[in-house]
Amino acid sequence: MRLRFEQWRDFLDIDAESINTLRDFSGLIRPHMDALMDAVYAYINANAVASATFTDAAALQRARAHQKHHWQEHVFAGNFNQDYLEATLAIGRTHQQLGVDLRFYSGAYVVVLNQVVSLLGQLLDDDATRTRYLTAINRAVFLDMGLATYAYYDTLLNALEDMAQEVTLSLARAGEYRDNETGKHITRMSKMCEQMALALGKDATWAHALRMASPLHDVGKIGVPDRILLKPGRLDEAEYRIMREHPRIGGTIIPEHPALVIRMARRIALTHHEKWDGSGYPAGLCGEEIPLEGRIAAICDVYDALVSTRPYKPAWTQQAALDYLQQQSGLHFDPHLVTTFLRIVPEVEVIQSRYAENIS
């Protein structure tokens, strides 16, 4: 998660005057923090589901101590530094990992605000000062709630993404293993795709989606009969026609779906054997009719296959493989993408080294 506190502070307009007001308020609220935390944890204990989050009394006390420190030393003190940022993100992550219902989590902020309003009514007679404090407190509390909720959902989404990526890789491996490929091939190929996307100026979200989608390029091989897929010699014309159907099969396996990764995976499966000059398959697309992700995947897939040992061929040298890409520029491959690939050869070398095959 790449996040700076300044992004949240600027968005919610926590200005210097508000921070100075909070620092004044911190001296007023400090003697009343225990009463404030009593109210929050009475709210938690009154709900069986919320209180069940804590395994024992010691866990409850630790949570209370962390919360008190967070409110007292950061939120109510206007102390929004890097320590605050890390603590708030940790609170959001911890609540999600513990399975705390977000309704209870958000409700605790309401309890805090209600208690603060009540305390200010008891401690201050001056309406102007009370309003000034409440304005700054509201800004700080909603900033804190927004940031912690962001961390809560970010943790949840990361967990879902990790699960989706594992499912994607498992399905991809199913296709690769039937073709005497390895999981290292799809890892290398997908990371090269990501590097190419970044080198082309695509944003990190698109590049990351490409890395997640590209391992499924050959998933359609699941539908190719073993007698053809695993044939040790050259395929005859009829067998080759069947083999050339695997992109269409991949497009059938991967559904049409609005999610970026799934859309991208389907396009790659369908188009990674298309060629820039229109001589590829299955649709005979040419030039920019071929989706960008399909053109990127084609280069990375072919390059990794060339420099890798296969049962039917020895590994090519890096230079021979790069020469081949240049020879096929404008024929098989998009010329601009070949130039881009040549520019990222140092990054490709790192990927090839880091994810090299384990040869026993």
Protein backbone atom coordinates (compact mmCIF):
# COMPACT_ATOMS: atom_id res chain seq x y z
CA MET A 1 0.00 0.00 0.00
CA ARG A 2 1.55 3.27 -1.10
CA LEU A 3 0.05 6.05 0.96
CA ARG A 4 1.32 9.26 2.51
CA PHE A 5 -0.54 10.99 5.30
CA GLU A 6 -0.25 14.29 3.45
CA GLN A 7 -2.68 12.95 0.83
CA TRP A 8 -5.35 12.51 3.51
CA ARG A 9 -4.54 15.74 5.33
CA ASP A 10 -4.72 17.79 2.13
CA PHE A 11 -7.94 16.09 1.04
CA LEU A 12 -9.66 16.83 4.34
CA ASP A 13 -8.11 20.29 4.73
CA ILE A 14 -6.45 19.82 8.12
CA ASP A 15 -4.76 23.20 8.26
CA ALA A 16 -2.28 24.63 10.74
CA GLU A 17 -5.02 26.44 12.69
CA SER A 18 -6.93 23.18 13.21
CA ILE A 19 -3.78 21.39 14.34
CA ASN A 20 -2.97 24.18 16.81
CA THR A 21 -6.55 24.03 18.12
CA LEU A 22 -6.22 20.27 18.64
CA ARG A 23 -3.00 20.78 20.57
CA ASP A 24 -4.81 23.21 22.86
CA PHE A 25 -7.67 20.74 23.23
CA SER A 26 -5.32 17.85 24.13
CA GLY A 27 -4.50 19.44 27.46
CA LEU A 28 -8.22 19.80 28.23
CA ILE A 29 -9.18 16.21 27.30
CA ARG A 30 -6.20 14.36 28.77
CA PRO A 31 -7.60 14.07 32.34
CA HIS A 32 -10.85 12.68 30.89
CA MET A 33 -9.43 10.05 28.55
CA ASP A 34 -10.20 7.13 30.85
CA ALA A 35 -13.86 8.17 31.08
CA LEU A 36 -13.93 8.49 27.30
CA MET A 37 -12.49 4.99 26.84
CA ASP A 38 -14.94 3.61 29.43
CA ALA A 39 -17.79 4.83 27.22
CA VAL A 40 -16.28 3.32 24.05
CA TYR A 41 -15.67 -0.08 25.63
CA ALA A 42 -19.07 -0.10 27.32
CA TYR A 43 -20.45 0.19 23.78
CA ILE A 44 -18.29 -2.74 22.68
CA ASN A 45 -19.14 -4.92 25.68
CA ALA A 46 -22.85 -4.29 25.24
CA ASN A 47 -22.77 -6.07 21.89
CA ALA A 48 -22.10 -9.81 21.98
CA VAL A 49 -20.67 -9.93 18.44
CA ALA A 50 -18.34 -6.97 19.01
CA SER A 51 -17.09 -8.20 22.37
CA ALA A 52 -16.50 -11.71 20.98
CA THR A 53 -13.72 -10.23 18.83
CA PHE A 54 -11.51 -10.18 21.90
CA THR A 55 -10.29 -13.60 23.00
CA ASP A 56 -9.88 -12.68 26.67
CA ALA A 57 -9.74 -9.80 29.14
CA ALA A 58 -6.04 -9.25 28.48
CA ALA A 59 -6.68 -8.78 24.75
CA LEU A 60 -9.43 -6.29 25.57
CA GLN A 61 -7.08 -4.32 27.84
CA ARG A 62 -4.36 -4.25 25.19
CA ALA A 63 -6.81 -2.96 22.61
CA ARG A 64 -8.04 -0.30 25.00
CA ALA A 65 -4.49 0.83 25.79
CA HIS A 66 -3.62 1.10 22.09
CA GLN A 67 -6.79 3.06 21.36
CA LYS A 68 -6.26 5.42 24.27
CA HIS A 69 -2.71 6.14 23.15
CA HIS A 70 -3.86 6.68 19.58
CA TRP A 71 -6.55 9.19 20.49
CA GLN A 72 -4.58 10.96 23.21
CA GLU A 73 -1.18 11.22 21.55
CA HIS A 74 -2.21 11.58 17.92
CA VAL A 75 -5.78 12.46 16.96
CA PHE A 76 -6.66 14.81 19.85
CA ALA A 77 -3.11 16.20 19.95
CA GLY A 78 -2.95 17.16 16.28
CA ASN A 79 0.15 15.00 16.03
CA PHE A 80 -0.19 13.69 12.48
CA ASN A 81 3.27 12.37 11.74
CA GLN A 82 4.66 9.18 10.22
CA ASP A 83 4.14 7.29 13.49
CA TYR A 84 0.48 8.28 13.39
CA LEU A 85 0.18 7.08 9.80
CA GLU A 86 1.66 3.67 10.57
CA ALA A 87 -0.44 3.29 13.74
CA THR A 88 -3.69 4.16 11.96
CA LEU A 89 -3.00 1.79 9.08
CA ALA A 90 -2.14 -0.93 11.59
CA ILE A 91 -5.42 -0.38 13.45
CA GLY A 92 -7.42 -0.70 10.22
CA ARG A 93 -5.54 -3.83 9.15
CA THR A 94 -5.87 -5.43 12.58
CA HIS A 95 -9.63 -4.82 12.73
CA GLN A 96 -10.09 -6.42 9.32
CA GLN A 97 -7.89 -9.41 10.16
CA LEU A 98 -9.76 -9.95 13.42
CA GLY A 99 -13.05 -9.89 11.55
CA VAL A 100 -14.43 -6.83 13.33
CA ASP A 101 -17.69 -5.77 11.68
CA LEU A 102 -17.13 -2.36 10.10
CA ARG A 103 -20.45 -1.15 11.52
CA PHE A 104 -19.16 -1.58 15.07
CA TYR A 105 -15.85 -0.07 14.08
CA SER A 106 -17.51 3.04 12.66
CA GLY A 107 -19.95 3.16 15.56
CA ALA A 108 -17.06 3.55 17.99
CA TYR A 109 -16.21 6.87 16.31
CA VAL A 110 -19.78 8.05 16.89
CA VAL A 111 -19.47 7.15 20.58
CA VAL A 112 -16.20 9.09 20.83
CA LEU A 113 -17.67 12.18 19.19
CA ASN A 114 -20.79 12.05 21.37
CA GLN A 115 -18.66 11.81 24.50
CA VAL A 116 -16.44 14.69 23.39
CA VAL A 117 -19.47 16.90 22.70
CA SER A 118 -20.84 16.05 26.14
CA LEU A 119 -17.52 16.77 27.85
CA LEU A 120 -17.10 20.08 26.08
CA GLY A 121 -20.59 21.07 27.20
CA GLN A 122 -19.55 20.40 30.82
CA LEU A 123 -16.06 21.94 30.63
CA LEU A 124 -16.59 25.09 28.56
CA ASP A 125 -19.06 27.95 28.87
CA ASP A 126 -17.73 29.87 25.89
CA ASP A 127 -19.73 28.86 22.78
CA ALA A 128 -17.10 30.26 20.36
CA THR A 129 -14.28 28.22 21.93
CA ARG A 130 -16.44 25.12 22.05
CA THR A 131 -17.32 25.53 18.35
CA ARG A 132 -13.66 26.07 17.45
CA TYR A 133 -12.68 22.87 19.26
CA LEU A 134 -15.51 20.85 17.72
CA THR A 135 -14.62 22.00 14.19
CA ALA A 136 -11.03 20.83 14.57
CA ILE A 137 -12.06 17.60 16.34
CA ASN A 138 -14.54 16.71 13.61
CA ARG A 139 -11.90 17.17 10.95
CA ALA A 140 -9.42 15.02 12.83
CA VAL A 141 -11.89 12.28 13.70
CA PHE A 142 -13.20 11.93 10.16
CA LEU A 143 -9.69 11.97 8.78
CA ASP A 144 -8.73 9.20 11.18
CA MET A 145 -11.86 7.16 10.44
CA GLY A 146 -11.35 7.55 6.70
CA LEU A 147 -7.73 6.47 6.85
CA ALA A 148 -8.38 3.48 9.12
CA THR A 149 -11.35 2.41 6.98
CA TYR A 150 -9.16 2.68 3.90
CA ALA A 151 -6.65 0.34 5.56
CA TYR A 152 -9.47 -2.01 6.55
CA TYR A 153 -10.71 -2.34 2.98
CA ASP A 154 -7.23 -2.32 1.50
CA THR A 155 -6.32 -5.32 3.66
CA LEU A 156 -9.51 -7.09 2.61
CA LEU A 157 -8.90 -6.34 -1.07
CA ASN A 158 -5.27 -7.48 -0.82
CA ALA A 159 -6.43 -10.79 0.65
CA LEU A 160 -8.99 -11.22 -2.14
CA GLU A 161 -6.41 -10.28 -4.76
CA ASP A 162 -3.92 -12.78 -3.37
CA MET A 163 -6.59 -15.46 -3.50
CA ALA A 164 -7.57 -14.52 -7.06
CA GLN A 165 -3.94 -14.55 -8.15
CA GLU A 166 -3.41 -18.01 -6.68
CA VAL A 167 -6.49 -19.29 -8.51
CA THR A 168 -5.25 -17.66 -11.73
CA LEU A 169 -1.79 -19.21 -11.38
CA SER A 170 -3.25 -22.62 -10.56
CA LEU A 171 -5.37 -22.53 -13.71
CA ALA A 172 -2.40 -21.27 -15.74
CA ARG A 173 -0.17 -24.06 -14.41
CA ALA A 174 -2.78 -26.61 -15.44
CA GLY A 175 -2.34 -25.51 -19.05
CA GLU A 176 1.43 -25.17 -18.85
CA TYR A 177 2.11 -28.51 -17.20
CA ARG A 178 0.21 -30.35 -19.89
CA ASP A 179 2.58 -28.78 -22.41
CA ASN A 180 5.80 -29.63 -20.55
CA GLU A 181 6.08 -26.06 -19.34
CA THR A 182 6.79 -24.94 -15.79
CA GLY A 183 5.44 -22.46 -13.30
CA LYS A 184 8.71 -20.56 -13.59
CA HIS A 185 7.95 -19.85 -17.26
CA ILE A 186 4.64 -18.15 -16.51
CA THR A 187 6.22 -16.21 -13.63
CA ARG A 188 9.06 -14.94 -15.81
CA MET A 189 6.78 -14.18 -18.72
CA SER A 190 4.23 -12.29 -16.60
CA LYS A 191 6.88 -10.18 -14.86
CA MET A 192 8.43 -9.28 -18.22
CA CYS A 193 4.98 -8.20 -19.41
CA GLU A 194 4.65 -5.94 -16.38
CA GLN A 195 8.07 -4.37 -17.00
CA MET A 196 7.20 -3.72 -20.63
CA ALA A 197 3.93 -2.06 -19.65
CA LEU A 198 5.73 0.26 -17.23
CA ALA A 199 8.38 1.05 -19.85
CA LEU A 200 5.58 2.01 -22.25
CA GLY A 201 4.29 4.52 -19.70
CA LYS A 202 1.23 2.54 -18.61
CA ASP A 203 0.16 3.18 -15.03
CA ALA A 204 0.97 0.76 -12.23
CA THR A 205 -2.62 -0.52 -12.04
CA TRP A 206 -2.66 -1.53 -15.71
CA ALA A 207 0.82 -3.06 -15.50
CA HIS A 208 -0.12 -5.04 -12.38
CA ALA A 209 -3.30 -6.29 -14.06
CA LEU A 210 -1.22 -7.41 -17.03
CA ARG A 211 1.09 -9.36 -14.72
CA MET A 212 -1.91 -11.11 -13.16
CA ALA A 213 -3.65 -11.79 -16.49
CA SER A 214 -0.79 -12.90 -18.73
CA PRO A 215 -0.17 -16.31 -17.05
CA LEU A 216 -3.47 -17.46 -18.56
CA HIS A 217 -2.29 -16.96 -22.14
CA ASP A 218 -2.11 -20.71 -22.86
CA VAL A 219 -4.98 -21.90 -20.67
CA GLY A 220 -6.76 -23.09 -23.83
CA LYS A 221 -4.23 -25.92 -24.14
CA ILE A 222 -6.32 -27.69 -21.52
CA GLY A 223 -8.71 -28.46 -24.38
CA VAL A 224 -6.10 -29.87 -26.75
CA PRO A 225 -5.92 -33.72 -26.84
CA ASP A 226 -2.82 -35.27 -25.24
CA ARG A 227 -1.98 -37.17 -28.43
CA ILE A 228 -1.37 -33.78 -30.08
CA LEU A 229 -0.19 -31.64 -27.21
CA LEU A 230 2.38 -34.18 -26.00
CA LYS A 231 3.42 -35.56 -29.40
CA PRO A 232 7.25 -35.73 -29.41
CA GLY A 233 7.64 -35.16 -33.16
CA ARG A 234 6.34 -32.57 -35.59
CA LEU A 235 2.59 -32.16 -35.94
CA ASP A 236 0.94 -33.00 -39.23
CA GLU A 237 -1.36 -30.47 -40.88
CA ALA A 238 -4.54 -31.81 -39.26
CA GLU A 239 -2.94 -31.91 -35.82
CA TYR A 240 -1.59 -28.40 -36.24
CA ARG A 241 -5.07 -27.12 -37.10
CA ILE A 242 -6.34 -28.56 -33.82
CA MET A 243 -3.41 -27.06 -31.88
CA ARG A 244 -4.18 -23.65 -33.38
CA GLU A 245 -7.60 -23.79 -31.77
CA HIS A 246 -6.20 -23.34 -28.26
CA PRO A 247 -6.58 -19.51 -28.31
CA ARG A 248 -10.29 -19.88 -29.08
CA ILE A 249 -10.60 -22.51 -26.35
CA GLY A 250 -8.90 -20.10 -23.94
CA GLY A 251 -11.41 -17.42 -24.87
CA THR A 252 -14.17 -19.88 -24.03
CA ILE A 253 -12.65 -20.88 -20.69
CA ILE A 254 -12.14 -17.28 -19.57
CA PRO A 255 -15.55 -15.57 -19.40
CA GLU A 256 -16.48 -12.14 -20.64
CA HIS A 257 -16.43 -10.02 -17.51
CA PRO A 258 -16.13 -6.29 -16.69
CA ALA A 259 -13.19 -6.83 -14.28
CA LEU A 260 -9.96 -5.49 -15.82
CA VAL A 261 -7.83 -8.57 -15.11
CA ILE A 262 -10.40 -11.00 -16.53
CA ARG A 263 -11.01 -8.87 -19.63
CA MET A 264 -7.29 -8.62 -20.18
CA ALA A 265 -6.70 -12.34 -19.64
CA ARG A 266 -9.36 -13.23 -22.20
CA ARG A 267 -7.91 -10.85 -24.80
CA ILE A 268 -4.41 -12.24 -24.24
CA ALA A 269 -5.61 -15.84 -24.53
CA LEU A 270 -7.36 -15.01 -27.79
CA THR A 271 -4.65 -12.88 -29.41
CA HIS A 272 -1.17 -13.87 -28.23
CA HIS A 273 -0.63 -15.89 -31.45
CA GLU A 274 -1.77 -13.09 -33.73
CA LYS A 275 1.03 -11.43 -35.74
CA TRP A 276 1.71 -7.82 -36.61
CA ASP A 277 1.62 -8.60 -40.36
CA GLY A 278 -1.72 -10.42 -40.12
CA SER A 279 -0.34 -13.93 -40.66
CA GLY A 280 -1.14 -15.18 -37.15
CA TYR A 281 -4.13 -16.99 -35.72
CA PRO A 282 -6.94 -17.56 -34.86
CA ALA A 283 -8.47 -14.39 -36.36
CA GLY A 284 -5.71 -13.10 -38.63
CA LEU A 285 -5.63 -9.70 -36.92
CA CYS A 286 -2.89 -7.29 -37.92
CA GLY A 287 -1.19 -4.23 -36.49
CA GLU A 288 -3.07 -2.40 -33.79
CA GLU A 289 -6.14 -4.56 -34.35
CA ILE A 290 -4.32 -6.83 -31.92
CA PRO A 291 -4.88 -5.58 -28.36
CA LEU A 292 -1.78 -4.09 -26.74
CA GLU A 293 -1.74 -6.73 -24.00
CA GLY A 294 -1.76 -9.49 -26.64
CA ARG A 295 1.17 -7.89 -28.49
CA ILE A 296 3.16 -7.55 -25.26
CA ALA A 297 2.44 -11.12 -24.20
CA ALA A 298 3.51 -12.45 -27.61
CA ILE A 299 6.99 -10.95 -27.31
CA CYS A 300 7.55 -11.99 -23.70
CA ASP A 301 6.21 -15.51 -24.25
CA VAL A 302 8.35 -16.14 -27.34
CA TYR A 303 11.50 -14.64 -25.80
CA ASP A 304 11.25 -16.75 -22.64
CA ALA A 305 10.54 -19.88 -24.70
CA LEU A 306 13.59 -19.23 -26.87
CA VAL A 307 16.05 -18.78 -24.00
CA SER A 308 14.64 -21.76 -22.06
CA THR A 309 15.52 -25.43 -22.44
CA ARG A 310 12.65 -27.56 -23.72
CA PRO A 311 12.44 -31.32 -24.34
CA TYR A 312 12.46 -30.60 -28.06
CA LYS A 313 15.25 -27.95 -28.15
CA PRO A 314 18.22 -26.51 -26.26
CA ALA A 315 18.09 -22.98 -24.86
CA TRP A 316 19.08 -20.18 -27.23
CA THR A 317 21.60 -17.59 -26.13
CA GLN A 318 20.24 -14.24 -25.09
CA GLN A 319 21.78 -12.56 -28.11
CA ALA A 320 20.29 -15.10 -30.53
CA ALA A 321 16.85 -14.57 -29.01
CA LEU A 322 17.18 -10.78 -29.19
CA ASP A 323 18.35 -11.04 -32.80
CA TYR A 324 15.26 -13.12 -33.57
CA LEU A 325 12.96 -10.47 -32.05
CA GLN A 326 14.61 -7.83 -34.23
CA GLN A 327 14.35 -10.02 -37.34
CA GLN A 328 10.63 -10.49 -36.65
CA SER A 329 10.00 -6.81 -35.91
CA GLY A 330 7.21 -5.68 -38.23
CA LEU A 331 6.42 -9.30 -39.17
CA HIS A 332 5.51 -11.26 -36.05
CA PHE A 333 5.94 -8.45 -33.53
CA ASP A 334 4.96 -4.81 -33.10
CA PRO A 335 8.15 -2.86 -34.00
CA HIS A 336 7.62 -0.29 -31.25
CA LEU A 337 7.26 -3.04 -28.66
CA VAL A 338 10.42 -4.79 -29.88
CA THR A 339 12.30 -1.51 -29.32
CA THR A 340 10.75 -1.26 -25.85
CA PHE A 341 11.75 -4.83 -25.01
CA LEU A 342 15.35 -4.15 -26.06
CA ARG A 343 15.33 -1.15 -23.74
CA ILE A 344 14.39 -3.27 -20.71
CA VAL A 345 16.88 -6.10 -21.28
CA PRO A 346 18.64 -5.34 -17.95
CA GLU A 347 15.33 -5.81 -16.08
CA VAL A 348 14.64 -8.96 -18.11
CA GLU A 349 18.03 -10.38 -17.10
CA VAL A 350 17.18 -9.84 -13.43
CA ILE A 351 13.85 -11.64 -13.88
CA GLN A 352 15.51 -14.52 -15.75
CA SER A 353 18.10 -14.90 -13.00
CA ARG A 354 15.72 -14.59 -10.07
CA TYR A 355 13.20 -17.07 -11.46
CA ALA A 356 15.58 -19.49 -13.15
CA GLU A 357 14.63 -23.16 -13.44
CA ASN A 358 15.87 -25.48 -10.72
CA ILE A 359 17.97 -27.98 -12.63
CA SER A 360 18.87 -31.05 -10.58
